[in-house]
């Protein structure tokens, strides 16, 4: 079974964490216990099933976090010369090839019923 770096998951969780929010509150927000969140934050890698489940909890497709590594597996992506997290070889040349979730949120229409639009 493939293993993926936990860093991208941790980065998203930390970026979305509210100032002063406890680990228990953050865990509850994602529907897990505080122990599960602690294990993730302490981990260097996560298995394929856990990576998929955490990405979905964060509202992302795993490909947004791990690029080609998700489709091919980390070892096959590296063997094929694809940079980690980049979905095409062009990304290695400095060309941007994927939309990051922050870019995509600007394209969402706002919903007047929700304060601040559709964004969480």
PDB file of N, CA and C in Angstrom:
ATOM      1  N   UNK A   1       0.848  -1.175   0.000  1.00  0.00           N
ATOM      2  CA  UNK A   1       0.000   0.000   0.000  1.00  0.00           C
ATOM      3  C   UNK A   1       0.897   1.243   0.000  1.00  0.00           C
ATOM      4  N   UNK A   2       0.507   2.216  -0.769  1.00  0.00           N
ATOM      5  CA  UNK A   2       1.276   3.459  -0.889  1.00  0.00           C
ATOM      6  C   UNK A   2       1.168   4.283   0.383  1.00  0.00           C
ATOM      7  N   UNK A   3       2.225   5.028   0.649  1.00  0.00           N
ATOM      8  CA  UNK A   3       2.255   5.965   1.776  1.00  0.00           C
ATOM      9  C   UNK A   3       2.571   7.350   1.216  1.00  0.00           C
ATOM     10  N   UNK A   4       1.925   8.349   1.801  1.00  0.00           N
ATOM     11  CA  UNK A   4       2.052   9.723   1.326  1.00  0.00           C
ATOM     12  C   UNK A   4       2.548  10.616   2.447  1.00  0.00           C
ATOM     13  N   UNK A   5       3.290  11.680   2.117  1.00  0.00           N
ATOM     14  CA  UNK A   5       3.737  12.614   3.156  1.00  0.00           C
ATOM     15  C   UNK A   5       2.533  13.263   3.836  1.00  0.00           C
ATOM     16  N   UNK A   6       2.598  13.387   5.148  1.00  0.00           N
ATOM     17  CA  UNK A   6       1.502  14.000   5.906  1.00  0.00           C
ATOM     18  C   UNK A   6       1.548  15.524   5.858  1.00  0.00           C
ATOM     19  N   UNK A   7       2.662  16.082   5.412  1.00  0.00           N
ATOM     20  CA  UNK A   7       2.835  17.534   5.391  1.00  0.00           C
ATOM     21  C   UNK A   7       1.713  18.314   4.730  1.00  0.00           C
ATOM     22  N   UNK A   8       1.261  17.920   3.524  1.00  0.00           N
ATOM     23  CA  UNK A   8       0.180  18.699   2.898  1.00  0.00           C
ATOM     24  C   UNK A   8      -1.102  18.736   3.726  1.00  0.00           C
ATOM     25  N   UNK A   9      -1.436  17.619   4.375  1.00  0.00           N
ATOM     26  CA  UNK A   9      -2.626  17.606   5.233  1.00  0.00           C
ATOM     27  C   UNK A   9      -2.445  18.540   6.421  1.00  0.00           C
ATOM     28  N   UNK A  10      -1.274  18.445   7.056  1.00  0.00           N
ATOM     29  CA  UNK A  10      -0.997  19.286   8.217  1.00  0.00           C
ATOM     30  C   UNK A  10      -1.022  20.768   7.842  1.00  0.00           C
ATOM     31  N   UNK A  11      -0.491  21.100   6.674  1.00  0.00           N
ATOM     32  CA  UNK A  11      -0.468  22.498   6.233  1.00  0.00           C
ATOM     33  C   UNK A  11      -1.879  23.055   6.095  1.00  0.00           C
ATOM     34  N   UNK A  12      -2.781  22.277   5.495  1.00  0.00           N
ATOM     35  CA  UNK A  12      -4.160  22.740   5.305  1.00  0.00           C
ATOM     36  C   UNK A  12      -4.849  22.896   6.658  1.00  0.00           C
ATOM     37  N   UNK A  13      -4.678  21.918   7.532  1.00  0.00           N
ATOM     38  CA  UNK A  13      -5.317  21.994   8.854  1.00  0.00           C
ATOM     39  C   UNK A  13      -4.818  23.208   9.619  1.00  0.00           C
ATOM     40  N   UNK A  14      -3.513  23.417   9.624  1.00  0.00           N
ATOM     41  CA  UNK A  14      -2.960  24.558  10.360  1.00  0.00           C
ATOM     42  C   UNK A  14      -3.407  25.887   9.746  1.00  0.00           C
ATOM     43  N   UNK A  15      -3.484  25.955   8.439  1.00  0.00           N
ATOM     44  CA  UNK A  15      -3.899  27.194   7.776  1.00  0.00           C
ATOM     45  C   UNK A  15      -5.355  27.538   8.069  1.00  0.00           C
ATOM     46  N   UNK A  16      -6.185  26.524   8.247  1.00  0.00           N
ATOM     47  CA  UNK A  16      -7.604  26.754   8.495  1.00  0.00           C
ATOM     48  C   UNK A  16      -7.952  26.878   9.977  1.00  0.00           C
ATOM     49  N   UNK A  17      -7.013  26.581  10.826  1.00  0.00           N
ATOM     50  CA  UNK A  17      -7.270  26.608  12.262  1.00  0.00           C
ATOM     51  C   UNK A  17      -7.455  28.045  12.728  1.00  0.00           C
ATOM     52  N   UNK A  18      -8.474  28.255  13.520  1.00  0.00           N
ATOM     53  CA  UNK A  18      -8.763  29.584  14.045  1.00  0.00           C
ATOM     54  C   UNK A  18      -7.806  29.889  15.199  1.00  0.00           C
ATOM     55  N   UNK A  19      -7.410  31.152  15.358  1.00  0.00           N
ATOM     56  CA  UNK A  19      -6.547  31.511  16.494  1.00  0.00           C
ATOM     57  C   UNK A  19      -7.227  31.148  17.813  1.00  0.00           C
ATOM     58  N   UNK A  20      -6.489  30.500  18.682  1.00  0.00           N
ATOM     59  CA  UNK A  20      -7.020  30.115  19.983  1.00  0.00           C
ATOM     60  C   UNK A  20      -7.883  28.869  19.974  1.00  0.00           C
ATOM     61  N   UNK A  21      -8.077  28.261  18.815  1.00  0.00           N
ATOM     62  CA  UNK A  21      -8.899  27.060  18.727  1.00  0.00           C
ATOM     63  C   UNK A  21      -8.151  25.873  19.333  1.00  0.00           C
ATOM     64  N   UNK A  22      -8.822  25.120  20.181  1.00  0.00           N
ATOM     65  CA  UNK A  22      -8.190  23.967  20.811  1.00  0.00           C
ATOM     66  C   UNK A  22      -8.128  22.799  19.828  1.00  0.00           C
ATOM     67  N   UNK A  23      -7.291  21.836  20.153  1.00  0.00           N
ATOM     68  CA  UNK A  23      -7.179  20.637  19.317  1.00  0.00           C
ATOM     69  C   UNK A  23      -8.517  19.906  19.270  1.00  0.00           C
ATOM     70  N   UNK A  24      -9.223  19.877  20.396  1.00  0.00           N
ATOM     71  CA  UNK A  24     -10.529  19.207  20.443  1.00  0.00           C
ATOM     72  C   UNK A  24     -11.539  19.902  19.527  1.00  0.00           C
ATOM     73  N   UNK A  25     -11.510  21.232  19.498  1.00  0.00           N
ATOM     74  CA  UNK A  25     -12.425  21.979  18.618  1.00  0.00           C
ATOM     75  C   UNK A  25     -12.087  21.741  17.149  1.00  0.00           C
ATOM     76  N   UNK A  26     -10.793  21.741  16.839  1.00  0.00           N
ATOM     77  CA  UNK A  26     -10.375  21.473  15.458  1.00  0.00           C
ATOM     78  C   UNK A  26     -10.789  20.074  15.058  1.00  0.00           C
ATOM     79  N   UNK A  27     -10.545  19.109  15.930  1.00  0.00           N
ATOM     80  CA  UNK A  27     -10.912  17.718  15.642  1.00  0.00           C
ATOM     81  C   UNK A  27     -12.417  17.594  15.419  1.00  0.00           C
ATOM     82  N   UNK A  28     -13.202  18.224  16.276  1.00  0.00           N
ATOM     83  CA  UNK A  28     -14.665  18.162  16.138  1.00  0.00           C
ATOM     84  C   UNK A  28     -15.115  18.769  14.818  1.00  0.00           C
ATOM     85  N   UNK A  29     -14.444  19.828  14.390  1.00  0.00           N
ATOM     86  CA  UNK A  29     -14.779  20.462  13.113  1.00  0.00           C
ATOM     87  C   UNK A  29     -14.646  19.465  11.951  1.00  0.00           C
ATOM     88  N   UNK A  30     -13.655  18.575  12.030  1.00  0.00           N
ATOM     89  CA  UNK A  30     -13.432  17.587  10.975  1.00  0.00           C
ATOM     90  C   UNK A  30     -14.082  16.242  11.268  1.00  0.00           C
ATOM     91  N   UNK A  31     -14.824  16.146  12.354  1.00  0.00           N
ATOM     92  CA  UNK A  31     -15.558  14.924  12.657  1.00  0.00           C
ATOM     93  C   UNK A  31     -14.699  13.772  13.152  1.00  0.00           C
ATOM     94  N   UNK A  32     -13.602  14.088  13.827  1.00  0.00           N
ATOM     95  CA  UNK A  32     -12.733  13.060  14.395  1.00  0.00           C
ATOM     96  C   UNK A  32     -12.469  13.393  15.853  1.00  0.00           C
ATOM     97  N   UNK A  33     -11.924  12.421  16.577  1.00  0.00           N
ATOM     98  CA  UNK A  33     -11.564  12.684  17.974  1.00  0.00           C
ATOM     99  C   UNK A  33     -10.216  13.404  18.021  1.00  0.00           C
ATOM    100  N   UNK A  34      -9.936  14.031  19.149  1.00  0.00           N
ATOM    101  CA  UNK A  34      -8.679  14.778  19.306  1.00  0.00           C
ATOM    102  C   UNK A  34      -7.470  13.861  19.158  1.00  0.00           C
ATOM    103  N   UNK A  35      -7.591  12.593  19.565  1.00  0.00           N
ATOM    104  CA  UNK A  35      -6.480  11.646  19.438  1.00  0.00           C
ATOM    105  C   UNK A  35      -6.140  11.381  17.971  1.00  0.00           C
ATOM    106  N   UNK A  36      -7.152  11.262  17.139  1.00  0.00           N
ATOM    107  CA  UNK A  36      -6.917  11.028  15.702  1.00  0.00           C
ATOM    108  C   UNK A  36      -6.207  12.228  15.083  1.00  0.00           C
ATOM    109  N   UNK A  37      -6.616  13.423  15.463  1.00  0.00           N
ATOM    110  CA  UNK A  37      -5.955  14.621  14.954  1.00  0.00           C
ATOM    111  C   UNK A  37      -4.509  14.685  15.449  1.00  0.00           C
ATOM    112  N   UNK A  38      -4.284  14.355  16.707  1.00  0.00           N
ATOM    113  CA  UNK A  38      -2.916  14.357  17.253  1.00  0.00           C
ATOM    114  C   UNK A  38      -2.023  13.376  16.518  1.00  0.00           C
ATOM    115  N   UNK A  39      -2.553  12.187  16.228  1.00  0.00           N
ATOM    116  CA  UNK A  39      -1.767  11.191  15.494  1.00  0.00           C
ATOM    117  C   UNK A  39      -1.386  11.711  14.116  1.00  0.00           C
ATOM    118  N   UNK A  40      -2.328  12.358  13.443  1.00  0.00           N
ATOM    119  CA  UNK A  40      -2.027  12.900  12.122  1.00  0.00           C
ATOM    120  C   UNK A  40      -0.954  13.984  12.222  1.00  0.00           C
ATOM    121  N   UNK A  41      -1.111  14.896  13.163  1.00  0.00           N
ATOM    122  CA  UNK A  41      -0.165  16.004  13.283  1.00  0.00           C
ATOM    123  C   UNK A  41       1.232  15.533  13.692  1.00  0.00           C
ATOM    124  N   UNK A  42       1.318  14.372  14.337  1.00  0.00           N
ATOM    125  CA  UNK A  42       2.617  13.819  14.732  1.00  0.00           C
ATOM    126  C   UNK A  42       3.226  12.933  13.649  1.00  0.00           C
ATOM    127  N   UNK A  43       2.435  12.519  12.676  1.00  0.00           N
ATOM    128  CA  UNK A  43       2.888  11.567  11.658  1.00  0.00           C
ATOM    129  C   UNK A  43       3.747  12.237  10.580  1.00  0.00           C
ATOM    130  N   UNK A  44       4.672  11.488  10.050  1.00  0.00           N
ATOM    131  CA  UNK A  44       5.464  11.921   8.893  1.00  0.00           C
ATOM    132  C   UNK A  44       4.792  11.474   7.597  1.00  0.00           C
ATOM    133  N   UNK A  45       4.136  10.321   7.648  1.00  0.00           N
ATOM    134  CA  UNK A  45       3.463   9.761   6.478  1.00  0.00           C
ATOM    135  C   UNK A  45       2.102   9.217   6.891  1.00  0.00           C
ATOM    136  N   UNK A  46       1.225   9.079   5.896  1.00  0.00           N
ATOM    137  CA  UNK A  46      -0.079   8.453   6.109  1.00  0.00           C
ATOM    138  C   UNK A  46      -0.308   7.434   5.006  1.00  0.00           C
ATOM    139  N   UNK A  47      -1.054   6.386   5.342  1.00  0.00           N
ATOM    140  CA  UNK A  47      -1.398   5.372   4.353  1.00  0.00           C
ATOM    141  C   UNK A  47      -2.403   5.912   3.342  1.00  0.00           C
ATOM    142  N   UNK A  48      -2.597   5.153   2.292  1.00  0.00           N
ATOM    143  CA  UNK A  48      -3.469   5.586   1.196  1.00  0.00           C
ATOM    144  C   UNK A  48      -4.906   5.826   1.652  1.00  0.00           C
ATOM    145  N   UNK A  49      -5.451   4.914   2.443  1.00  0.00           N
ATOM    146  CA  UNK A  49      -6.841   5.061   2.896  1.00  0.00           C
ATOM    147  C   UNK A  49      -6.984   6.283   3.801  1.00  0.00           C
ATOM    148  N   UNK A  50      -6.060   6.434   4.753  1.00  0.00           N
ATOM    149  CA  UNK A  50      -6.117   7.593   5.650  1.00  0.00           C
ATOM    150  C   UNK A  50      -5.930   8.892   4.874  1.00  0.00           C
ATOM    151  N   UNK A  51      -5.027   8.892   3.900  1.00  0.00           N
ATOM    152  CA  UNK A  51      -4.797  10.096   3.091  1.00  0.00           C
ATOM    153  C   UNK A  51      -6.074  10.501   2.358  1.00  0.00           C
ATOM    154  N   UNK A  52      -6.744   9.528   1.775  1.00  0.00           N
ATOM    155  CA  UNK A  52      -7.987   9.794   1.048  1.00  0.00           C
ATOM    156  C   UNK A  52      -9.060  10.328   1.996  1.00  0.00           C
ATOM    157  N   UNK A  53      -9.218   9.687   3.128  1.00  0.00           N
ATOM    158  CA  UNK A  53     -10.258  10.107   4.087  1.00  0.00           C
ATOM    159  C   UNK A  53      -9.991  11.498   4.638  1.00  0.00           C
ATOM    160  N   UNK A  54      -8.734  11.785   4.971  1.00  0.00           N
ATOM    161  CA  UNK A  54      -8.412  13.116   5.488  1.00  0.00           C
ATOM    162  C   UNK A  54      -8.616  14.183   4.419  1.00  0.00           C
ATOM    163  N   UNK A  55      -8.201  13.902   3.195  1.00  0.00           N
ATOM    164  CA  UNK A  55      -8.392  14.885   2.115  1.00  0.00           C
ATOM    165  C   UNK A  55      -9.877  15.201   1.952  1.00  0.00           C
ATOM    166  N   UNK A  56     -10.702  14.165   1.982  1.00  0.00           N
ATOM    167  CA  UNK A  56     -12.148  14.367   1.840  1.00  0.00           C
ATOM    168  C   UNK A  56     -12.689  15.169   3.019  1.00  0.00           C
ATOM    169  N   UNK A  57     -12.214  14.875   4.226  1.00  0.00           N
ATOM    170  CA  UNK A  57     -12.635  15.667   5.402  1.00  0.00           C
ATOM    171  C   UNK A  57     -12.299  17.136   5.229  1.00  0.00           C
ATOM    172  N   UNK A  58     -11.194  17.398   4.554  1.00  0.00           N
ATOM    173  CA  UNK A  58     -10.763  18.782   4.332  1.00  0.00           C
ATOM    174  C   UNK A  58     -11.474  19.414   3.133  1.00  0.00           C
ATOM    175  N   UNK A  59     -12.307  18.633   2.448  1.00  0.00           N
ATOM    176  CA  UNK A  59     -13.045  19.158   1.300  1.00  0.00           C
ATOM    177  C   UNK A  59     -12.222  19.217   0.031  1.00  0.00           C
ATOM    178  N   UNK A  60     -11.185  18.384  -0.061  1.00  0.00           N
ATOM    179  CA  UNK A  60     -10.289  18.383  -1.214  1.00  0.00           C
ATOM    180  C   UNK A  60     -10.209  16.999  -1.829  1.00  0.00           C
ATOM    181  N   UNK A  61      -9.863  16.955  -3.094  1.00  0.00           N
ATOM    182  CA  UNK A  61      -9.520  15.673  -3.716  1.00  0.00           C
ATOM    183  C   UNK A  61      -8.054  15.423  -3.388  1.00  0.00           C
ATOM    184  N   UNK A  62      -7.678  14.186  -3.105  1.00  0.00           N
ATOM    185  CA  UNK A  62      -6.275  13.914  -2.779  1.00  0.00           C
ATOM    186  C   UNK A  62      -5.288  14.414  -3.835  1.00  0.00           C
ATOM    187  N   UNK A  63      -5.699  14.500  -5.072  1.00  0.00           N
ATOM    188  CA  UNK A  63      -4.812  14.992  -6.127  1.00  0.00           C
ATOM    189  C   UNK A  63      -4.426  16.450  -5.894  1.00  0.00           C
ATOM    190  N   UNK A  64      -5.296  17.217  -5.223  1.00  0.00           N
ATOM    191  CA  UNK A  64      -4.945  18.602  -4.901  1.00  0.00           C
ATOM    192  C   UNK A  64      -3.772  18.670  -3.934  1.00  0.00           C
ATOM    193  N   UNK A  65      -3.617  17.641  -3.129  1.00  0.00           N
ATOM    194  CA  UNK A  65      -2.553  17.623  -2.137  1.00  0.00           C
ATOM    195  C   UNK A  65      -1.288  16.928  -2.626  1.00  0.00           C
ATOM    196  N   UNK A  66      -1.455  15.853  -3.417  1.00  0.00           N
ATOM    197  CA  UNK A  66      -0.297  15.050  -3.805  1.00  0.00           C
ATOM    198  C   UNK A  66      -0.061  14.944  -5.313  1.00  0.00           C
ATOM    199  N   UNK A  67      -0.851  15.629  -6.117  1.00  0.00           N
ATOM    200  CA  UNK A  67      -0.625  15.646  -7.560  1.00  0.00           C
ATOM    201  C   UNK A  67      -0.547  14.251  -8.162  1.00  0.00           C
ATOM    202  N   UNK A  68       0.395  14.062  -9.064  1.00  0.00           N
ATOM    203  CA  UNK A  68       0.547  12.769  -9.747  1.00  0.00           C
ATOM    204  C   UNK A  68       0.872  11.643  -8.793  1.00  0.00           C
ATOM    205  N   UNK A  69       1.452  11.958  -7.683  1.00  0.00           N
ATOM    206  CA  UNK A  69       1.747  10.913  -6.701  1.00  0.00           C
ATOM    207  C   UNK A  69       0.480  10.152  -6.343  1.00  0.00           C
ATOM    208  N   UNK A  70      -0.649  10.861  -6.290  1.00  0.00           N
ATOM    209  CA  UNK A  70      -1.897  10.201  -5.911  1.00  0.00           C
ATOM    210  C   UNK A  70      -2.319   9.201  -6.977  1.00  0.00           C
ATOM    211  N   UNK A  71      -2.221   9.546  -8.241  1.00  0.00           N
ATOM    212  CA  UNK A  71      -2.646   8.648  -9.316  1.00  0.00           C
ATOM    213  C   UNK A  71      -1.675   7.501  -9.552  1.00  0.00           C
ATOM    214  N   UNK A  72      -0.391   7.783  -9.483  1.00  0.00           N
ATOM    215  CA  UNK A  72       0.617   6.787  -9.821  1.00  0.00           C
ATOM    216  C   UNK A  72       1.207   6.082  -8.615  1.00  0.00           C
ATOM    217  N   UNK A  73       1.081   6.668  -7.457  1.00  0.00           N
ATOM    218  CA  UNK A  73       1.795   6.179  -6.275  1.00  0.00           C
ATOM    219  C   UNK A  73       3.123   6.908  -6.190  1.00  0.00           C
ATOM    220  N   UNK A  74       3.597   7.194  -4.993  1.00  0.00           N
ATOM    221  CA  UNK A  74       4.815   7.988  -4.830  1.00  0.00           C
ATOM    222  C   UNK A  74       6.031   7.426  -5.545  1.00  0.00           C
ATOM    223  N   UNK A  75       6.234   6.108  -5.492  1.00  0.00           N
ATOM    224  CA  UNK A  75       7.445   5.543  -6.105  1.00  0.00           C
ATOM    225  C   UNK A  75       7.373   5.590  -7.625  1.00  0.00           C
ATOM    226  N   UNK A  76       6.215   5.342  -8.223  1.00  0.00           N
ATOM    227  CA  UNK A  76       6.101   5.400  -9.691  1.00  0.00           C
ATOM    228  C   UNK A  76       6.222   6.826 -10.196  1.00  0.00           C
ATOM    229  N   UNK A  77       5.685   7.801  -9.456  1.00  0.00           N
ATOM    230  CA  UNK A  77       5.796   9.201  -9.876  1.00  0.00           C
ATOM    231  C   UNK A  77       7.252   9.628  -9.874  1.00  0.00           C
ATOM    232  N   UNK A  78       7.992   9.245  -8.828  1.00  0.00           N
ATOM    233  CA  UNK A  78       9.411   9.602  -8.747  1.00  0.00           C
ATOM    234  C   UNK A  78      10.210   8.889  -9.831  1.00  0.00           C
ATOM    235  N   UNK A  79       9.892   7.623 -10.092  1.00  0.00           N
ATOM    236  CA  UNK A  79      10.613   6.862 -11.120  1.00  0.00           C
ATOM    237  C   UNK A  79      10.359   7.439 -12.511  1.00  0.00           C
ATOM    238  N   UNK A  80       9.179   8.017 -12.719  1.00  0.00           N
ATOM    239  CA  UNK A  80       8.844   8.605 -14.016  1.00  0.00           C
ATOM    240  C   UNK A  80       9.398  10.006 -14.189  1.00  0.00           C
ATOM    241  N   UNK A  81      10.093  10.515 -13.193  1.00  0.00           N
ATOM    242  CA  UNK A  81      10.682  11.845 -13.285  1.00  0.00           C
ATOM    243  C   UNK A  81       9.711  12.969 -13.003  1.00  0.00           C
ATOM    244  N   UNK A  82       8.534  12.643 -12.485  1.00  0.00           N
ATOM    245  CA  UNK A  82       7.553  13.684 -12.179  1.00  0.00           C
ATOM    246  C   UNK A  82       7.844  14.254 -10.802  1.00  0.00           C
ATOM    247  N   UNK A  83       7.931  15.563 -10.692  1.00  0.00           N
ATOM    248  CA  UNK A  83       8.183  16.167  -9.383  1.00  0.00           C
ATOM    249  C   UNK A  83       7.031  15.875  -8.431  1.00  0.00           C
ATOM    250  N   UNK A  84       7.329  15.673  -7.168  1.00  0.00           N
ATOM    251  CA  UNK A  84       6.296  15.407  -6.177  1.00  0.00           C
ATOM    252  C   UNK A  84       5.272  16.532  -6.152  1.00  0.00           C
ATOM    253  N   UNK A  85       4.010  16.161  -6.227  1.00  0.00           N
ATOM    254  CA  UNK A  85       2.937  17.138  -6.132  1.00  0.00           C
ATOM    255  C   UNK A  85       2.601  17.855  -7.428  1.00  0.00           C
ATOM    256  N   UNK A  86       3.384  17.681  -8.482  1.00  0.00           N
ATOM    257  CA  UNK A  86       3.110  18.363  -9.739  1.00  0.00           C
ATOM    258  C   UNK A  86       2.463  17.408 -10.731  1.00  0.00           C
ATOM    259  N   UNK A  87       1.331  17.766 -11.315  1.00  0.00           N
ATOM    260  CA  UNK A  87       0.630  16.850 -12.197  1.00  0.00           C
ATOM    261  C   UNK A  87       1.212  16.748 -13.603  1.00  0.00           C
ATOM    262  N   UNK A  88       2.131  17.592 -13.990  1.00  0.00           N
ATOM    263  CA  UNK A  88       2.749  17.454 -15.310  1.00  0.00           C
ATOM    264  C   UNK A  88       4.218  17.809 -15.229  1.00  0.00           C
ATOM    265  N   UNK A  89       4.965  17.395 -16.222  1.00  0.00           N
ATOM    266  CA  UNK A  89       6.387  17.719 -16.265  1.00  0.00           C
ATOM    267  C   UNK A  89       6.593  19.222 -16.459  1.00  0.00           C
ATOM    268  N   UNK A  90       5.647  19.904 -17.075  1.00  0.00           N
ATOM    269  CA  UNK A  90       5.785  21.346 -17.302  1.00  0.00           C
ATOM    270  C   UNK A  90       5.927  22.112 -16.000  1.00  0.00           C
ATOM    271  N   UNK A  91       5.365  21.578 -14.932  1.00  0.00           N
ATOM    272  CA  UNK A  91       5.449  22.269 -13.646  1.00  0.00           C
ATOM    273  C   UNK A  91       6.899  22.398 -13.189  1.00  0.00           C
ATOM    274  N   UNK A  92       7.741  21.466 -13.608  1.00  0.00           N
ATOM    275  CA  UNK A  92       9.152  21.532 -13.227  1.00  0.00           C
ATOM    276  C   UNK A  92       9.846  22.704 -13.919  1.00  0.00           C
ATOM    277  N   UNK A  93       9.265  23.188 -15.010  1.00  0.00           N
ATOM    278  CA  UNK A  93       9.846  24.313 -15.750  1.00  0.00           C
ATOM    279  C   UNK A  93       9.338  25.650 -15.220  1.00  0.00           C
ATOM    280  N   UNK A  94       8.558  25.613 -14.164  1.00  0.00           N
ATOM    281  CA  UNK A  94       8.070  26.848 -13.581  1.00  0.00           C
ATOM    282  C   UNK A  94       6.722  27.288 -14.120  1.00  0.00           C
ATOM    283  N   UNK A  95       6.142  26.524 -15.038  1.00  0.00           N
ATOM    284  CA  UNK A  95       4.823  26.883 -15.546  1.00  0.00           C
ATOM    285  C   UNK A  95       3.776  26.338 -14.592  1.00  0.00           C
ATOM    286  N   UNK A  96       2.828  27.135 -14.280  1.00  0.00           N
ATOM    287  CA  UNK A  96       1.763  26.695 -13.385  1.00  0.00           C
ATOM    288  C   UNK A  96       0.759  25.895 -14.186  1.00  0.00           C
ATOM    289  N   UNK A  97       0.453  24.698 -13.717  1.00  0.00           N
ATOM    290  CA  UNK A  97      -0.425  23.835 -14.491  1.00  0.00           C
ATOM    291  C   UNK A  97      -1.706  23.459 -13.777  1.00  0.00           C
ATOM    292  N   UNK A  98      -1.811  23.700 -12.490  1.00  0.00           N
ATOM    293  CA  UNK A  98      -3.031  23.344 -11.778  1.00  0.00           C
ATOM    294  C   UNK A  98      -3.528  24.548 -10.994  1.00  0.00           C
ATOM    295  N   UNK A  99      -4.830  24.584 -10.797  1.00  0.00           N
ATOM    296  CA  UNK A  99      -5.410  25.643  -9.977  1.00  0.00           C
ATOM    297  C   UNK A  99      -5.360  25.191  -8.531  1.00  0.00           C
ATOM    298  N   UNK A 100      -4.858  25.993  -7.680  1.00  0.00           N
ATOM    299  CA  UNK A 100      -4.864  25.693  -6.251  1.00  0.00           C
ATOM    300  C   UNK A 100      -6.272  25.989  -5.725  1.00  0.00           C
ATOM    301  N   UNK A 101      -6.619  25.381  -4.622  1.00  0.00           N
ATOM    302  CA  UNK A 101      -7.968  25.577  -4.101  1.00  0.00           C
ATOM    303  C   UNK A 101      -8.233  27.049  -3.792  1.00  0.00           C
ATOM    304  N   UNK A 102      -7.213  27.794  -3.381  1.00  0.00           N
ATOM    305  CA  UNK A 102      -7.442  29.205  -3.072  1.00  0.00           C
ATOM    306  C   UNK A 102      -7.788  29.990  -4.332  1.00  0.00           C
ATOM    307  N   UNK A 103      -7.215  29.582  -5.481  1.00  0.00           N
ATOM    308  CA  UNK A 103      -7.555  30.254  -6.731  1.00  0.00           C
ATOM    309  C   UNK A 103      -8.971  29.910  -7.160  1.00  0.00           C
ATOM    310  N   UNK A 104      -9.364  28.672  -6.953  1.00  0.00           N
ATOM    311  CA  UNK A 104     -10.691  28.241  -7.387  1.00  0.00           C
ATOM    312  C   UNK A 104     -11.793  28.903  -6.564  1.00  0.00           C
ATOM    313  N   UNK A 105     -11.532  29.222  -5.318  1.00  0.00           N
ATOM    314  CA  UNK A 105     -12.582  29.808  -4.497  1.00  0.00           C
ATOM    315  C   UNK A 105     -12.972  31.185  -5.008  1.00  0.00           C
ATOM    316  N   UNK A 106     -12.064  31.868  -5.666  1.00  0.00           N
ATOM    317  CA  UNK A 106     -12.400  33.187  -6.218  1.00  0.00           C
ATOM    318  C   UNK A 106     -13.417  33.079  -7.346  1.00  0.00           C
ATOM    319  N   UNK A 107     -13.488  31.892  -7.981  1.00  0.00           N
ATOM    320  CA  UNK A 107     -14.389  31.710  -9.106  1.00  0.00           C
ATOM    321  C   UNK A 107     -15.804  31.357  -8.661  1.00  0.00           C
ATOM    322  N   UNK A 108     -15.988  30.987  -7.386  1.00  0.00           N
ATOM    323  CA  UNK A 108     -17.300  30.578  -6.918  1.00  0.00           C
ATOM    324  C   UNK A 108     -18.233  31.777  -6.824  1.00  0.00           C
ATOM    325  N   UNK A 109     -19.473  31.600  -7.239  1.00  0.00           N
ATOM    326  CA  UNK A 109     -20.437  32.688  -7.059  1.00  0.00           C
ATOM    327  C   UNK A 109     -20.760  32.825  -5.581  1.00  0.00           C
ATOM    328  N   UNK A 110     -21.053  34.026  -5.169  1.00  0.00           N
ATOM    329  CA  UNK A 110     -21.400  34.214  -3.764  1.00  0.00           C
ATOM    330  C   UNK A 110     -22.870  33.910  -3.568  1.00  0.00           C
ATOM    331  N   UNK A 111     -23.181  33.449  -2.404  1.00  0.00           N
ATOM    332  CA  UNK A 111     -24.555  33.126  -2.043  1.00  0.00           C
ATOM    333  C   UNK A 111     -25.014  34.163  -1.030  1.00  0.00           C
ATOM    334  N   UNK A 112     -25.972  35.000  -1.380  1.00  0.00           N
ATOM    335  CA  UNK A 112     -26.386  36.080  -0.476  1.00  0.00           C
ATOM    336  C   UNK A 112     -26.980  35.576   0.824  1.00  0.00           C
ATOM    337  N   UNK A 113     -27.395  34.296   0.875  1.00  0.00           N
ATOM    338  CA  UNK A 113     -27.962  33.733   2.112  1.00  0.00           C
ATOM    339  C   UNK A 113     -26.888  33.402   3.131  1.00  0.00           C
ATOM    340  N   UNK A 114     -25.635  33.319   2.675  1.00  0.00           N
ATOM    341  CA  UNK A 114     -24.539  32.939   3.561  1.00  0.00           C
ATOM    342  C   UNK A 114     -23.602  34.117   3.717  1.00  0.00           C
ATOM    343  N   UNK A 115     -23.328  34.504   4.960  1.00  0.00           N
ATOM    344  CA  UNK A 115     -22.426  35.620   5.195  1.00  0.00           C
ATOM    345  C   UNK A 115     -21.059  35.283   4.624  1.00  0.00           C
ATOM    346  N   UNK A 116     -20.522  36.130   3.767  1.00  0.00           N
ATOM    347  CA  UNK A 116     -19.233  35.880   3.156  1.00  0.00           C
ATOM    348  C   UNK A 116     -19.311  35.008   1.916  1.00  0.00           C
ATOM    349  N   UNK A 117     -20.498  34.687   1.431  1.00  0.00           N
ATOM    350  CA  UNK A 117     -20.606  33.855   0.232  1.00  0.00           C
ATOM    351  C   UNK A 117     -20.510  32.377   0.549  1.00  0.00           C
ATOM    352  N   UNK A 118     -20.019  31.608  -0.404  1.00  0.00           N
ATOM    353  CA  UNK A 118     -19.949  30.158  -0.269  1.00  0.00           C
ATOM    354  C   UNK A 118     -18.730  29.684   0.487  1.00  0.00           C
ATOM    355  N   UNK A 119     -17.813  30.557   0.780  1.00  0.00           N
ATOM    356  CA  UNK A 119     -16.551  30.130   1.338  1.00  0.00           C
ATOM    357  C   UNK A 119     -16.690  29.760   2.812  1.00  0.00           C
ATOM    358  N   UNK A 120     -15.955  28.695   3.226  1.00  0.00           N
ATOM    359  CA  UNK A 120     -16.050  28.276   4.635  1.00  0.00           C
ATOM    360  C   UNK A 120     -15.382  29.291   5.549  1.00  0.00           C
TER     361      UNK A 120
END
